Structure formats: C-alpha cells, structure tokens
Amino acid sequence: YQERQLIGAMSVMENVFLDDLHEKFGFVRKAELKRKTQEIIEAF
C-alpha cells in the first residue's frame, strides 16, 4: 500500500520478517534475520 504498514519502533529486519521471525525454541534468531535482511538490502 501507499500508506506504509510498518512498525516504526522496530528494526528493518523485524519489519521485513514480521510474519516469519525465524524462531527456535521460542527465541528469535537475530543473526539469521540480520544476514537475510542485509542480503535483500544489498540487492536493493
């Protein structure tokens, strides 16, 4: 949408993967989120 559906207080990676936070045993795997998001950022 033109009207952005983002959560301003969260990071880029958390917004990009909001519906798939790569959880393991209830914990978010931030290193994996960061790596995958950075790959998309570089592609853009």
PDB file of all heavy atoms in Angstrom:
ATOM      1  N   TYR A   1       0.817  -1.209   0.000  1.00  0.00           N
ATOM      2  CA  TYR A   1       0.000   0.000   0.000  1.00  0.00           C
ATOM      3  C   TYR A   1       0.852   1.261   0.000  1.00  0.00           C
ATOM      4  O   TYR A   1       1.995   1.269   0.487  1.00  0.00           O
ATOM      5  CB  TYR A   1      -0.918   0.033   1.221  1.00  0.00           C
ATOM      6  CG  TYR A   1      -2.018  -0.996   1.202  1.00  0.00           C
ATOM      7  CD1 TYR A   1      -2.070  -2.000   2.165  1.00  0.00           C
ATOM      8  CD2 TYR A   1      -3.002  -0.963   0.228  1.00  0.00           C
ATOM      9  CE1 TYR A   1      -3.080  -2.945   2.163  1.00  0.00           C
ATOM     10  CE2 TYR A   1      -4.022  -1.902   0.212  1.00  0.00           C
ATOM     11  CZ  TYR A   1      -4.056  -2.889   1.179  1.00  0.00           C
ATOM     12  OH  TYR A   1      -5.053  -3.821   1.173  1.00  0.00           O
ATOM     13  N   GLN A   2       0.263   2.341  -0.524  1.00  0.00           N
ATOM     14  CA  GLN A   2       0.917   3.644  -0.445  1.00  0.00           C
ATOM     15  C   GLN A   2       1.081   4.053   1.019  1.00  0.00           C
ATOM     16  O   GLN A   2       2.094   4.621   1.410  1.00  0.00           O
ATOM     17  CB  GLN A   2       0.078   4.686  -1.186  1.00  0.00           C
ATOM     18  CG  GLN A   2       0.685   6.080  -1.172  1.00  0.00           C
ATOM     19  CD  GLN A   2      -0.223   7.094  -1.857  1.00  0.00           C
ATOM     20  OE1 GLN A   2      -1.240   6.733  -2.427  1.00  0.00           O
ATOM     21  NE2 GLN A   2       0.133   8.354  -1.780  1.00  0.00           N
ATOM     22  N   GLU A   3       0.048   3.756   1.843  1.00  0.00           N
ATOM     23  CA  GLU A   3       0.144   4.020   3.272  1.00  0.00           C
ATOM     24  C   GLU A   3       0.929   2.876   3.901  1.00  0.00           C
ATOM     25  O   GLU A   3       0.462   1.732   3.929  1.00  0.00           O
ATOM     26  CB  GLU A   3      -1.248   4.105   3.912  1.00  0.00           C
ATOM     27  CG  GLU A   3      -2.084   5.260   3.406  1.00  0.00           C
ATOM     28  CD  GLU A   3      -2.774   4.929   2.087  1.00  0.00           C
ATOM     29  OE1 GLU A   3      -2.959   3.725   1.786  1.00  0.00           O
ATOM     30  OE2 GLU A   3      -3.091   5.858   1.349  1.00  0.00           O
ATOM     31  N   ARG A   4       2.101   3.163   4.370  1.00  0.00           N
ATOM     32  CA  ARG A   4       3.023   2.128   4.807  1.00  0.00           C
ATOM     33  C   ARG A   4       2.480   1.353   6.008  1.00  0.00           C
ATOM     34  O   ARG A   4       1.944   1.927   6.950  1.00  0.00           O
ATOM     35  CB  ARG A   4       4.385   2.761   5.131  1.00  0.00           C
ATOM     36  CG  ARG A   4       5.048   3.370   3.905  1.00  0.00           C
ATOM     37  CD  ARG A   4       6.267   4.185   4.258  1.00  0.00           C
ATOM     38  NE  ARG A   4       5.976   5.336   5.092  1.00  0.00           N
ATOM     39  CZ  ARG A   4       5.453   6.472   4.629  1.00  0.00           C
ATOM     40  NH1 ARG A   4       5.167   6.584   3.348  1.00  0.00           N
ATOM     41  NH2 ARG A   4       5.219   7.483   5.434  1.00  0.00           N
ATOM     42  N   GLN A   5       2.639   0.018   5.963  1.00  0.00           N
ATOM     43  CA  GLN A   5       2.196  -0.874   7.038  1.00  0.00           C
ATOM     44  C   GLN A   5       3.426  -1.320   7.832  1.00  0.00           C
ATOM     45  O   GLN A   5       3.809  -2.493   7.804  1.00  0.00           O
ATOM     46  CB  GLN A   5       1.467  -2.084   6.443  1.00  0.00           C
ATOM     47  CG  GLN A   5       0.448  -1.754   5.369  1.00  0.00           C
ATOM     48  CD  GLN A   5      -0.802  -1.117   5.932  1.00  0.00           C
ATOM     49  OE1 GLN A   5      -1.451  -1.669   6.806  1.00  0.00           O
ATOM     50  NE2 GLN A   5      -1.148   0.053   5.428  1.00  0.00           N
ATOM     51  N   LEU A   6       4.052  -0.391   8.513  1.00  0.00           N
ATOM     52  CA  LEU A   6       5.302  -0.662   9.224  1.00  0.00           C
ATOM     53  C   LEU A   6       5.159  -0.342  10.706  1.00  0.00           C
ATOM     54  O   LEU A   6       4.304   0.455  11.100  1.00  0.00           O
ATOM     55  CB  LEU A   6       6.440   0.177   8.630  1.00  0.00           C
ATOM     56  CG  LEU A   6       6.770  -0.064   7.149  1.00  0.00           C
ATOM     57  CD1 LEU A   6       7.742   0.996   6.653  1.00  0.00           C
ATOM     58  CD2 LEU A   6       7.353  -1.457   6.953  1.00  0.00           C
ATOM     59  N   ILE A   7       6.018  -0.953  11.508  1.00  0.00           N
ATOM     60  CA  ILE A   7       6.066  -0.651  12.941  1.00  0.00           C
ATOM     61  C   ILE A   7       7.320   0.179  13.174  1.00  0.00           C
ATOM     62  O   ILE A   7       8.448  -0.323  13.129  1.00  0.00           O
ATOM     63  CB  ILE A   7       6.096  -1.935  13.779  1.00  0.00           C
ATOM     64  CG1 ILE A   7       4.842  -2.769  13.469  1.00  0.00           C
ATOM     65  CG2 ILE A   7       6.159  -1.606  15.271  1.00  0.00           C
ATOM     66  CD1 ILE A   7       4.819  -4.121  14.155  1.00  0.00           C
ATOM     67  N   GLY A   8       7.118   1.458  13.397  1.00  0.00           N
ATOM     68  CA  GLY A   8       8.234   2.406  13.448  1.00  0.00           C
ATOM     69  C   GLY A   8       9.253   2.138  14.534  1.00  0.00           C
ATOM     70  O   GLY A   8      10.429   2.464  14.378  1.00  0.00           O
ATOM     71  N   ALA A   9       8.836   1.537  15.640  1.00  0.00           N
ATOM     72  CA  ALA A   9       9.758   1.316  16.760  1.00  0.00           C
ATOM     73  C   ALA A   9      10.613   0.066  16.573  1.00  0.00           C
ATOM     74  O   ALA A   9      11.540  -0.171  17.355  1.00  0.00           O
ATOM     75  CB  ALA A   9       8.970   1.207  18.067  1.00  0.00           C
ATOM     76  N   MET A  10      10.322  -0.710  15.521  1.00  0.00           N
ATOM     77  CA  MET A  10      11.075  -1.939  15.287  1.00  0.00           C
ATOM     78  C   MET A  10      12.123  -1.732  14.191  1.00  0.00           C
ATOM     79  O   MET A  10      12.059  -0.773  13.430  1.00  0.00           O
ATOM     80  CB  MET A  10      10.128  -3.074  14.910  1.00  0.00           C
ATOM     81  CG  MET A  10       9.166  -3.452  16.031  1.00  0.00           C
ATOM     82  SD  MET A  10       7.983  -4.760  15.575  1.00  0.00           S
ATOM     83  CE  MET A  10       9.082  -6.183  15.529  1.00  0.00           C
ATOM     84  N   SER A  11      13.060  -2.649  14.110  1.00  0.00           N
ATOM     85  CA  SER A  11      14.153  -2.554  13.140  1.00  0.00           C
ATOM     86  C   SER A  11      13.679  -2.931  11.746  1.00  0.00           C
ATOM     87  O   SER A  11      12.585  -3.484  11.560  1.00  0.00           O
ATOM     88  CB  SER A  11      15.307  -3.457  13.546  1.00  0.00           C
ATOM     89  OG  SER A  11      14.912  -4.815  13.442  1.00  0.00           O
ATOM     90  N   VAL A  12      14.539  -2.656  10.770  1.00  0.00           N
ATOM     91  CA  VAL A  12      14.248  -3.044   9.383  1.00  0.00           C
ATOM     92  C   VAL A  12      14.044  -4.550   9.296  1.00  0.00           C
ATOM     93  O   VAL A  12      13.069  -5.040   8.712  1.00  0.00           O
ATOM     94  CB  VAL A  12      15.386  -2.591   8.443  1.00  0.00           C
ATOM     95  CG1 VAL A  12      15.174  -3.164   7.040  1.00  0.00           C
ATOM     96  CG2 VAL A  12      15.467  -1.073   8.391  1.00  0.00           C
ATOM     97  N   MET A  13      14.943  -5.310   9.898  1.00  0.00           N
ATOM     98  CA  MET A  13      14.850  -6.773   9.776  1.00  0.00           C
ATOM     99  C   MET A  13      13.599  -7.317  10.443  1.00  0.00           C
ATOM    100  O   MET A  13      12.983  -8.276   9.955  1.00  0.00           O
ATOM    101  CB  MET A  13      16.108  -7.442  10.334  1.00  0.00           C
ATOM    102  CG  MET A  13      16.352  -7.249  11.815  1.00  0.00           C
ATOM    103  SD  MET A  13      17.952  -7.986  12.293  1.00  0.00           S
ATOM    104  CE  MET A  13      17.905  -7.795  14.085  1.00  0.00           C
ATOM    105  N   GLU A  14      13.197  -6.723  11.550  1.00  0.00           N
ATOM    106  CA  GLU A  14      11.991  -7.188  12.231  1.00  0.00           C
ATOM    107  C   GLU A  14      10.740  -6.876  11.414  1.00  0.00           C
ATOM    108  O   GLU A  14       9.792  -7.662  11.392  1.00  0.00           O
ATOM    109  CB  GLU A  14      11.903  -6.546  13.613  1.00  0.00           C
ATOM    110  CG  GLU A  14      12.931  -7.096  14.594  1.00  0.00           C
ATOM    111  CD  GLU A  14      13.053  -6.265  15.847  1.00  0.00           C
ATOM    112  OE1 GLU A  14      12.887  -5.031  15.774  1.00  0.00           O
ATOM    113  OE2 GLU A  14      13.330  -6.843  16.912  1.00  0.00           O
ATOM    114  N   ASN A  15      10.727  -5.745  10.731  1.00  0.00           N
ATOM    115  CA  ASN A  15       9.601  -5.411   9.871  1.00  0.00           C
ATOM    116  C   ASN A  15       9.555  -6.308   8.643  1.00  0.00           C
ATOM    117  O   ASN A  15       8.486  -6.770   8.246  1.00  0.00           O
ATOM    118  CB  ASN A  15       9.680  -3.944   9.450  1.00  0.00           C
ATOM    119  CG  ASN A  15       9.017  -3.003  10.431  1.00  0.00           C
ATOM    120  OD1 ASN A  15       7.804  -2.796  10.403  1.00  0.00           O
ATOM    121  ND2 ASN A  15       9.826  -2.441  11.329  1.00  0.00           N
ATOM    122  N   VAL A  16      10.689  -6.551   8.044  1.00  0.00           N
ATOM    123  CA  VAL A  16      10.735  -7.360   6.822  1.00  0.00           C
ATOM    124  C   VAL A  16      10.302  -8.800   7.101  1.00  0.00           C
ATOM    125  O   VAL A  16       9.613  -9.422   6.285  1.00  0.00           O
ATOM    126  CB  VAL A  16      12.145  -7.321   6.200  1.00  0.00           C
ATOM    127  CG1 VAL A  16      12.277  -8.344   5.072  1.00  0.00           C
ATOM    128  CG2 VAL A  16      12.456  -5.918   5.674  1.00  0.00           C
ATOM    129  N   PHE A  17      10.658  -9.332   8.262  1.00  0.00           N
ATOM    130  CA  PHE A  17      10.344 -10.731   8.599  1.00  0.00           C
ATOM    131  C   PHE A  17       9.302 -10.840   9.715  1.00  0.00           C
ATOM    132  O   PHE A  17       9.288 -11.822  10.452  1.00  0.00           O
ATOM    133  CB  PHE A  17      11.624 -11.462   9.029  1.00  0.00           C
ATOM    134  CG  PHE A  17      12.528 -11.830   7.890  1.00  0.00           C
ATOM    135  CD1 PHE A  17      13.547 -10.974   7.489  1.00  0.00           C
ATOM    136  CD2 PHE A  17      12.362 -13.032   7.214  1.00  0.00           C
ATOM    137  CE1 PHE A  17      14.390 -11.314   6.440  1.00  0.00           C
ATOM    138  CE2 PHE A  17      13.205 -13.381   6.166  1.00  0.00           C
ATOM    139  CZ  PHE A  17      14.219 -12.520   5.770  1.00  0.00           C
ATOM    140  N   LEU A  18       8.427  -9.860   9.811  1.00  0.00           N
ATOM    141  CA  LEU A  18       7.498  -9.812  10.944  1.00  0.00           C
ATOM    142  C   LEU A  18       6.639 -11.068  11.057  1.00  0.00           C
ATOM    143  O   LEU A  18       6.330 -11.522  12.160  1.00  0.00           O
ATOM    144  CB  LEU A  18       6.598  -8.571  10.824  1.00  0.00           C
ATOM    145  CG  LEU A  18       5.719  -8.261  12.044  1.00  0.00           C
ATOM    146  CD1 LEU A  18       6.582  -8.044  13.285  1.00  0.00           C
ATOM    147  CD2 LEU A  18       4.857  -7.036  11.786  1.00  0.00           C
ATOM    148  N   ASP A  19       6.217 -11.646   9.933  1.00  0.00           N
ATOM    149  CA  ASP A  19       5.370 -12.840   9.976  1.00  0.00           C
ATOM    150  C   ASP A  19       6.181 -14.135   9.912  1.00  0.00           C
ATOM    151  O   ASP A  19       5.619 -15.220   9.801  1.00  0.00           O
ATOM    152  CB  ASP A  19       4.351 -12.816   8.834  1.00  0.00           C
ATOM    153  CG  ASP A  19       5.009 -12.742   7.462  1.00  0.00           C
ATOM    154  OD1 ASP A  19       6.175 -12.298   7.387  1.00  0.00           O
ATOM    155  OD2 ASP A  19       4.375 -13.119   6.464  1.00  0.00           O
ATOM    156  N   ASP A  20       7.503 -14.000  10.009  1.00  0.00           N
ATOM    157  CA  ASP A  20       8.374 -15.193   9.961  1.00  0.00           C
ATOM    158  C   ASP A  20       9.701 -14.837  10.626  1.00  0.00           C
ATOM    159  O   ASP A  20      10.725 -14.644   9.971  1.00  0.00           O
ATOM    160  CB  ASP A  20       8.595 -15.626   8.511  1.00  0.00           C
ATOM    161  CG  ASP A  20       9.421 -16.908   8.400  1.00  0.00           C
ATOM    162  OD1 ASP A  20       9.576 -17.605   9.427  1.00  0.00           O
ATOM    163  OD2 ASP A  20       9.915 -17.196   7.301  1.00  0.00           O
ATOM    164  N   LEU A  21       9.672 -14.763  11.955  1.00  0.00           N
ATOM    165  CA  LEU A  21      10.822 -14.240  12.693  1.00  0.00           C
ATOM    166  C   LEU A  21      11.919 -15.272  12.968  1.00  0.00           C
ATOM    167  O   LEU A  21      12.819 -15.030  13.766  1.00  0.00           O
ATOM    168  CB  LEU A  21      10.354 -13.638  14.025  1.00  0.00           C
ATOM    169  CG  LEU A  21       9.565 -12.324  13.900  1.00  0.00           C
ATOM    170  CD1 LEU A  21       9.043 -11.885  15.256  1.00  0.00           C
ATOM    171  CD2 LEU A  21      10.437 -11.230  13.286  1.00  0.00           C
ATOM    172  N   HIS A  22      11.858 -16.423  12.306  1.00  0.00           N
ATOM    173  CA  HIS A  22      12.909 -17.446  12.440  1.00  0.00           C
ATOM    174  C   HIS A  22      13.148 -17.815  13.912  1.00  0.00           C
ATOM    175  O   HIS A  22      14.269 -17.735  14.421  1.00  0.00           O
ATOM    176  CB  HIS A  22      14.224 -16.943  11.807  1.00  0.00           C
ATOM    177  CG  HIS A  22      14.150 -16.809  10.326  1.00  0.00           C
ATOM    178  ND1 HIS A  22      14.502 -17.806   9.470  1.00  0.00           N
ATOM    179  CD2 HIS A  22      13.715 -15.783   9.546  1.00  0.00           C
ATOM    180  CE1 HIS A  22      14.327 -17.409   8.214  1.00  0.00           C
ATOM    181  NE2 HIS A  22      13.830 -16.187   8.246  1.00  0.00           N
ATOM    182  N   GLU A  23      12.067 -18.212  14.552  1.00  0.00           N
ATOM    183  CA  GLU A  23      12.172 -18.582  15.959  1.00  0.00           C
ATOM    184  C   GLU A  23      12.704 -20.005  16.129  1.00  0.00           C
ATOM    185  O   GLU A  23      12.476 -20.882  15.304  1.00  0.00           O
ATOM    186  CB  GLU A  23      10.799 -18.478  16.637  1.00  0.00           C
ATOM    187  CG  GLU A  23      10.281 -17.052  16.756  1.00  0.00           C
ATOM    188  CD  GLU A  23       8.909 -17.011  17.393  1.00  0.00           C
ATOM    189  OE1 GLU A  23       8.067 -17.855  17.043  1.00  0.00           O
ATOM    190  OE2 GLU A  23       8.693 -16.139  18.236  1.00  0.00           O
ATOM    191  N   LYS A  24      13.434 -20.229  17.197  1.00  0.00           N
ATOM    192  CA  LYS A  24      13.912 -21.563  17.572  1.00  0.00           C
ATOM    193  C   LYS A  24      13.802 -21.680  19.082  1.00  0.00           C
ATOM    194  O   LYS A  24      14.399 -20.880  19.814  1.00  0.00           O
ATOM    195  CB  LYS A  24      15.358 -21.773  17.117  1.00  0.00           C
ATOM    196  CG  LYS A  24      15.846 -23.210  17.340  1.00  0.00           C
ATOM    197  CD  LYS A  24      17.226 -23.415  16.735  1.00  0.00           C
ATOM    198  CE  LYS A  24      17.659 -24.867  16.869  1.00  0.00           C
ATOM    199  NZ  LYS A  24      18.994 -25.101  16.274  1.00  0.00           N
ATOM    200  N   PHE A  25      12.976 -22.642  19.515  1.00  0.00           N
ATOM    201  CA  PHE A  25      12.720 -22.831  20.951  1.00  0.00           C
ATOM    202  C   PHE A  25      12.184 -21.541  21.589  1.00  0.00           C
ATOM    203  O   PHE A  25      12.517 -21.210  22.734  1.00  0.00           O
ATOM    204  CB  PHE A  25      13.983 -23.295  21.680  1.00  0.00           C
ATOM    205  CG  PHE A  25      14.600 -24.533  21.093  1.00  0.00           C
ATOM    206  CD1 PHE A  25      15.895 -24.522  20.611  1.00  0.00           C
ATOM    207  CD2 PHE A  25      13.862 -25.721  21.004  1.00  0.00           C
ATOM    208  CE1 PHE A  25      16.450 -25.664  20.053  1.00  0.00           C
ATOM    209  CE2 PHE A  25      14.423 -26.867  20.445  1.00  0.00           C
ATOM    210  CZ  PHE A  25      15.708 -26.850  19.977  1.00  0.00           C
ATOM    211  N   GLY A  26      11.360 -20.789  20.804  1.00  0.00           N
ATOM    212  CA  GLY A  26      10.747 -19.575  21.353  1.00  0.00           C
ATOM    213  C   GLY A  26      11.617 -18.338  21.277  1.00  0.00           C
ATOM    214  O   GLY A  26      11.192 -17.261  21.698  1.00  0.00           O
ATOM    215  N   PHE A  27      12.847 -18.466  20.746  1.00  0.00           N
ATOM    216  CA  PHE A  27      13.754 -17.322  20.664  1.00  0.00           C
ATOM    217  C   PHE A  27      13.970 -16.927  19.198  1.00  0.00           C
ATOM    218  O   PHE A  27      14.129 -17.801  18.327  1.00  0.00           O
ATOM    219  CB  PHE A  27      15.109 -17.648  21.304  1.00  0.00           C
ATOM    220  CG  PHE A  27      15.028 -17.905  22.790  1.00  0.00           C
ATOM    221  CD1 PHE A  27      14.920 -19.210  23.273  1.00  0.00           C
ATOM    222  CD2 PHE A  27      15.031 -16.851  23.685  1.00  0.00           C
ATOM    223  CE1 PHE A  27      14.827 -19.461  24.630  1.00  0.00           C
ATOM    224  CE2 PHE A  27      14.949 -17.091  25.052  1.00  0.00           C
ATOM    225  CZ  PHE A  27      14.840 -18.384  25.533  1.00  0.00           C
ATOM    226  N   VAL A  28      13.970 -15.630  18.943  1.00  0.00           N
ATOM    227  CA  VAL A  28      14.213 -15.127  17.593  1.00  0.00           C
ATOM    228  C   VAL A  28      15.693 -15.248  17.255  1.00  0.00           C
ATOM    229  O   VAL A  28      16.555 -14.837  18.041  1.00  0.00           O
ATOM    230  CB  VAL A  28      13.783 -13.650  17.469  1.00  0.00           C
ATOM    231  CG1 VAL A  28      14.157 -13.105  16.088  1.00  0.00           C
ATOM    232  CG2 VAL A  28      12.283 -13.526  17.701  1.00  0.00           C
ATOM    233  N   ARG A  29      15.983 -15.840  16.104  1.00  0.00           N
ATOM    234  CA  ARG A  29      17.385 -15.991  15.668  1.00  0.00           C
ATOM    235  C   ARG A  29      17.821 -14.714  14.946  1.00  0.00           C
ATOM    236  O   ARG A  29      17.748 -14.599  13.722  1.00  0.00           O
ATOM    237  CB  ARG A  29      17.514 -17.217  14.772  1.00  0.00           C
ATOM    238  CG  ARG A  29      17.331 -18.533  15.538  1.00  0.00           C
ATOM    239  CD  ARG A  29      17.466 -19.741  14.642  1.00  0.00           C
ATOM    240  NE  ARG A  29      16.283 -19.916  13.806  1.00  0.00           N
ATOM    241  CZ  ARG A  29      16.132 -20.897  12.921  1.00  0.00           C
ATOM    242  NH1 ARG A  29      17.099 -21.794  12.753  1.00  0.00           N
ATOM    243  NH2 ARG A  29      15.038 -20.996  12.203  1.00  0.00           N
ATOM    244  N   LYS A  30      18.253 -13.728  15.719  1.00  0.00           N
ATOM    245  CA  LYS A  30      18.531 -12.404  15.182  1.00  0.00           C
ATOM    246  C   LYS A  30      19.683 -12.398  14.180  1.00  0.00           C
ATOM    247  O   LYS A  30      19.665 -11.628  13.221  1.00  0.00           O
ATOM    248  CB  LYS A  30      18.825 -11.423  16.330  1.00  0.00           C
ATOM    249  CG  LYS A  30      17.595 -11.110  17.174  1.00  0.00           C
ATOM    250  CD  LYS A  30      17.872  -9.995  18.164  1.00  0.00           C
ATOM    251  CE  LYS A  30      16.600  -9.638  18.924  1.00  0.00           C
ATOM    252  NZ  LYS A  30      16.819  -8.533  19.881  1.00  0.00           N
ATOM    253  N   ALA A  31      20.652 -13.233  14.396  1.00  0.00           N
ATOM    254  CA  ALA A  31      21.793 -13.269  13.471  1.00  0.00           C
ATOM    255  C   ALA A  31      21.330 -13.685  12.075  1.00  0.00           C
ATOM    256  O   ALA A  31      21.756 -13.112  11.061  1.00  0.00           O
ATOM    257  CB  ALA A  31      22.866 -14.225  13.992  1.00  0.00           C
ATOM    258  N   GLU A  32      20.429 -14.674  12.018  1.00  0.00           N
ATOM    259  CA  GLU A  32      19.913 -15.137  10.736  1.00  0.00           C
ATOM    260  C   GLU A  32      19.031 -14.062  10.092  1.00  0.00           C
ATOM    261  O   GLU A  32      19.102 -13.820   8.884  1.00  0.00           O
ATOM    262  CB  GLU A  32      19.116 -16.426  10.927  1.00  0.00           C
ATOM    263  CG  GLU A  32      18.673 -17.064   9.614  1.00  0.00           C
ATOM    264  CD  GLU A  32      18.012 -18.414   9.816  1.00  0.00           C
ATOM    265  OE1 GLU A  32      17.969 -18.888  10.970  1.00  0.00           O
ATOM    266  OE2 GLU A  32      17.536 -18.985   8.822  1.00  0.00           O
ATOM    267  N   LEU A  33      18.189 -13.415  10.923  1.00  0.00           N
ATOM    268  CA  LEU A  33      17.358 -12.316  10.421  1.00  0.00           C
ATOM    269  C   LEU A  33      18.223 -11.210   9.821  1.00  0.00           C
ATOM    270  O   LEU A  33      17.946 -10.704   8.731  1.00  0.00           O
ATOM    271  CB  LEU A  33      16.515 -11.712  11.554  1.00  0.00           C
ATOM    272  CG  LEU A  33      15.232 -12.407  11.985  1.00  0.00           C
ATOM    273  CD1 LEU A  33      14.504 -11.535  12.995  1.00  0.00           C
ATOM    274  CD2 LEU A  33      14.343 -12.695  10.801  1.00  0.00           C
ATOM    275  N   LYS A  34      19.258 -10.848  10.545  1.00  0.00           N
ATOM    276  CA  LYS A  34      20.135  -9.759  10.111  1.00  0.00           C
ATOM    277  C   LYS A  34      20.812 -10.117   8.792  1.00  0.00           C
ATOM    278  O   LYS A  34      20.879  -9.299   7.868  1.00  0.00           O
ATOM    279  CB  LYS A  34      21.182  -9.477  11.191  1.00  0.00           C
ATOM    280  CG  LYS A  34      22.124  -8.335  10.853  1.00  0.00           C
ATOM    281  CD  LYS A  34      23.111  -8.094  12.003  1.00  0.00           C
ATOM    282  CE  LYS A  34      24.096  -6.984  11.656  1.00  0.00           C
ATOM    283  NZ  LYS A  34      25.063  -6.762  12.758  1.00  0.00           N
ATOM    284  N   ARG A  35      21.313 -11.351   8.692  1.00  0.00           N
ATOM    285  CA  ARG A  35      22.021 -11.774   7.476  1.00  0.00           C
ATOM    286  C   ARG A  35      21.094 -11.750   6.265  1.00  0.00           C
ATOM    287  O   ARG A  35      21.450 -11.206   5.205  1.00  0.00           O
ATOM    288  CB  ARG A  35      22.606 -13.173   7.678  1.00  0.00           C
ATOM    289  CG  ARG A  35      23.292 -13.746   6.438  1.00  0.00           C
ATOM    290  CD  ARG A  35      23.816 -15.147   6.688  1.00  0.00           C
ATOM    291  NE  ARG A  35      22.776 -16.076   7.067  1.00  0.00           N
ATOM    292  CZ  ARG A  35      21.931 -16.644   6.205  1.00  0.00           C
ATOM    293  NH1 ARG A  35      22.021 -16.369   4.902  1.00  0.00           N
ATOM    294  NH2 ARG A  35      21.010 -17.496   6.628  1.00  0.00           N
ATOM    295  N   LYS A  36      19.913 -12.340   6.412  1.00  0.00           N
ATOM    296  CA  LYS A  36      18.994 -12.421   5.287  1.00  0.00           C
ATOM    297  C   LYS A  36      18.467 -11.040   4.878  1.00  0.00           C
ATOM    298  O   LYS A  36      18.302 -10.755   3.685  1.00  0.00           O
ATOM    299  CB  LYS A  36      17.828 -13.346   5.634  1.00  0.00           C
ATOM    300  CG  LYS A  36      18.231 -14.808   5.728  1.00  0.00           C
ATOM    301  CD  LYS A  36      17.024 -15.726   5.858  1.00  0.00           C
ATOM    302  CE  LYS A  36      17.448 -17.193   5.778  1.00  0.00           C
ATOM    303  NZ  LYS A  36      16.282 -18.105   5.837  1.00  0.00           N
ATOM    304  N   THR A  37      18.200 -10.200   5.877  1.00  0.00           N
ATOM    305  CA  THR A  37      17.722  -8.849   5.563  1.00  0.00           C
ATOM    306  C   THR A  37      18.800  -8.042   4.867  1.00  0.00           C
ATOM    307  O   THR A  37      18.520  -7.306   3.914  1.00  0.00           O
ATOM    308  CB  THR A  37      17.267  -8.119   6.839  1.00  0.00           C
ATOM    309  OG1 THR A  37      16.271  -8.895   7.496  1.00  0.00           O
ATOM    310  CG2 THR A  37      16.690  -6.744   6.501  1.00  0.00           C
ATOM    311  N   GLN A  38      20.040  -8.184   5.335  1.00  0.00           N
ATOM    312  CA  GLN A  38      21.133  -7.431   4.724  1.00  0.00           C
ATOM    313  C   GLN A  38      21.343  -7.861   3.272  1.00  0.00           C
ATOM    314  O   GLN A  38      21.682  -7.033   2.416  1.00  0.00           O
ATOM    315  CB  GLN A  38      22.420  -7.620   5.532  1.00  0.00           C
ATOM    316  CG  GLN A  38      23.450  -6.512   5.309  1.00  0.00           C
ATOM    317  CD  GLN A  38      22.942  -5.132   5.736  1.00  0.00           C
ATOM    318  OE1 GLN A  38      22.375  -4.969   6.809  1.00  0.00           O
ATOM    319  NE2 GLN A  38      23.151  -4.141   4.869  1.00  0.00           N
ATOM    320  N   GLU A  39      21.106  -9.133   2.973  1.00  0.00           N
ATOM    321  CA  GLU A  39      21.209  -9.601   1.587  1.00  0.00           C
ATOM    322  C   GLU A  39      20.175  -8.914   0.703  1.00  0.00           C
ATOM    323  O   GLU A  39      20.468  -8.513  -0.431  1.00  0.00           O
ATOM    324  CB  GLU A  39      21.000 -11.123   1.542  1.00  0.00           C
ATOM    325  CG  GLU A  39      22.171 -11.926   2.093  1.00  0.00           C
ATOM    326  CD  GLU A  39      21.886 -13.420   2.116  1.00  0.00           C
ATOM    327  OE1 GLU A  39      20.745 -13.806   1.744  1.00  0.00           O
ATOM    328  OE2 GLU A  39      22.772 -14.200   2.510  1.00  0.00           O
ATOM    329  N   ILE A  40      18.947  -8.749   1.237  1.00  0.00           N
ATOM    330  CA  ILE A  40      17.895  -8.066   0.476  1.00  0.00           C
ATOM    331  C   ILE A  40      18.239  -6.589   0.309  1.00  0.00           C
ATOM    332  O   ILE A  40      18.081  -6.018  -0.777  1.00  0.00           O
ATOM    333  CB  ILE A  40      16.533  -8.229   1.182  1.00  0.00           C
ATOM    334  CG1 ILE A  40      16.147  -9.703   1.260  1.00  0.00           C
ATOM    335  CG2 ILE A  40      15.448  -7.441   0.428  1.00  0.00           C
ATOM    336  CD1 ILE A  40      14.902  -9.972   2.091  1.00  0.00           C
ATOM    337  N   ILE A  41      18.740  -5.968   1.369  1.00  0.00           N
ATOM    338  CA  ILE A  41      19.120  -4.558   1.308  1.00  0.00           C
ATOM    339  C   ILE A  41      20.176  -4.338   0.233  1.00  0.00           C
ATOM    340  O   ILE A  41      20.107  -3.384  -0.550  1.00  0.00           O
ATOM    341  CB  ILE A  41      19.640  -4.074   2.685  1.00  0.00           C
ATOM    342  CG1 ILE A  41      18.482  -4.005   3.690  1.00  0.00           C
ATOM    343  CG2 ILE A  41      20.329  -2.715   2.564  1.00  0.00           C
ATOM    344  CD1 ILE A  41      18.916  -3.726   5.112  1.00  0.00           C
ATOM    345  N   GLU A  42      21.158  -5.239   0.176  1.00  0.00           N
ATOM    346  CA  GLU A  42      22.222  -5.110  -0.820  1.00  0.00           C
ATOM    347  C   GLU A  42      21.692  -5.334  -2.228  1.00  0.00           C
ATOM    348  O   GLU A  42      22.118  -4.674  -3.185  1.00  0.00           O
ATOM    349  CB  GLU A  42      23.341  -6.102  -0.492  1.00  0.00           C
ATOM    350  CG  GLU A  42      24.121  -5.712   0.763  1.00  0.00           C
ATOM    351  CD  GLU A  42      25.079  -6.789   1.238  1.00  0.00           C
ATOM    352  OE1 GLU A  42      25.196  -7.815   0.526  1.00  0.00           O
ATOM    353  OE2 GLU A  42      25.687  -6.618   2.318  1.00  0.00           O
ATOM    354  N   ALA A  43      20.713  -6.237  -2.366  1.00  0.00           N
ATOM    355  CA  ALA A  43      20.092  -6.464  -3.677  1.00  0.00           C
ATOM    356  C   ALA A  43      19.346  -5.218  -4.145  1.00  0.00           C
ATOM    357  O   ALA A  43      19.285  -4.926  -5.341  1.00  0.00           O
ATOM    358  CB  ALA A  43      19.137  -7.648  -3.609  1.00  0.00           C
ATOM    359  N   PHE A  44      18.803  -4.465  -3.180  1.00  0.00           N
ATOM    360  CA  PHE A  44      18.091  -3.223  -3.499  1.00  0.00           C
ATOM    361  C   PHE A  44      19.045  -2.029  -3.621  1.00  0.00           C
ATOM    362  O   PHE A  44      18.635  -0.959  -4.079  1.00  0.00           O
ATOM    363  CB  PHE A  44      17.049  -2.922  -2.418  1.00  0.00           C
ATOM    364  CG  PHE A  44      15.748  -3.653  -2.582  1.00  0.00           C
ATOM    365  CD1 PHE A  44      15.702  -5.032  -2.686  1.00  0.00           C
ATOM    366  CD2 PHE A  44      14.557  -2.964  -2.632  1.00  0.00           C
ATOM    367  CE1 PHE A  44      14.511  -5.719  -2.831  1.00  0.00           C
ATOM    368  CE2 PHE A  44      13.345  -3.629  -2.780  1.00  0.00           C
ATOM    369  CZ  PHE A  44      13.324  -5.010  -2.882  1.00  0.00           C
TER     370      PHE A  44
END
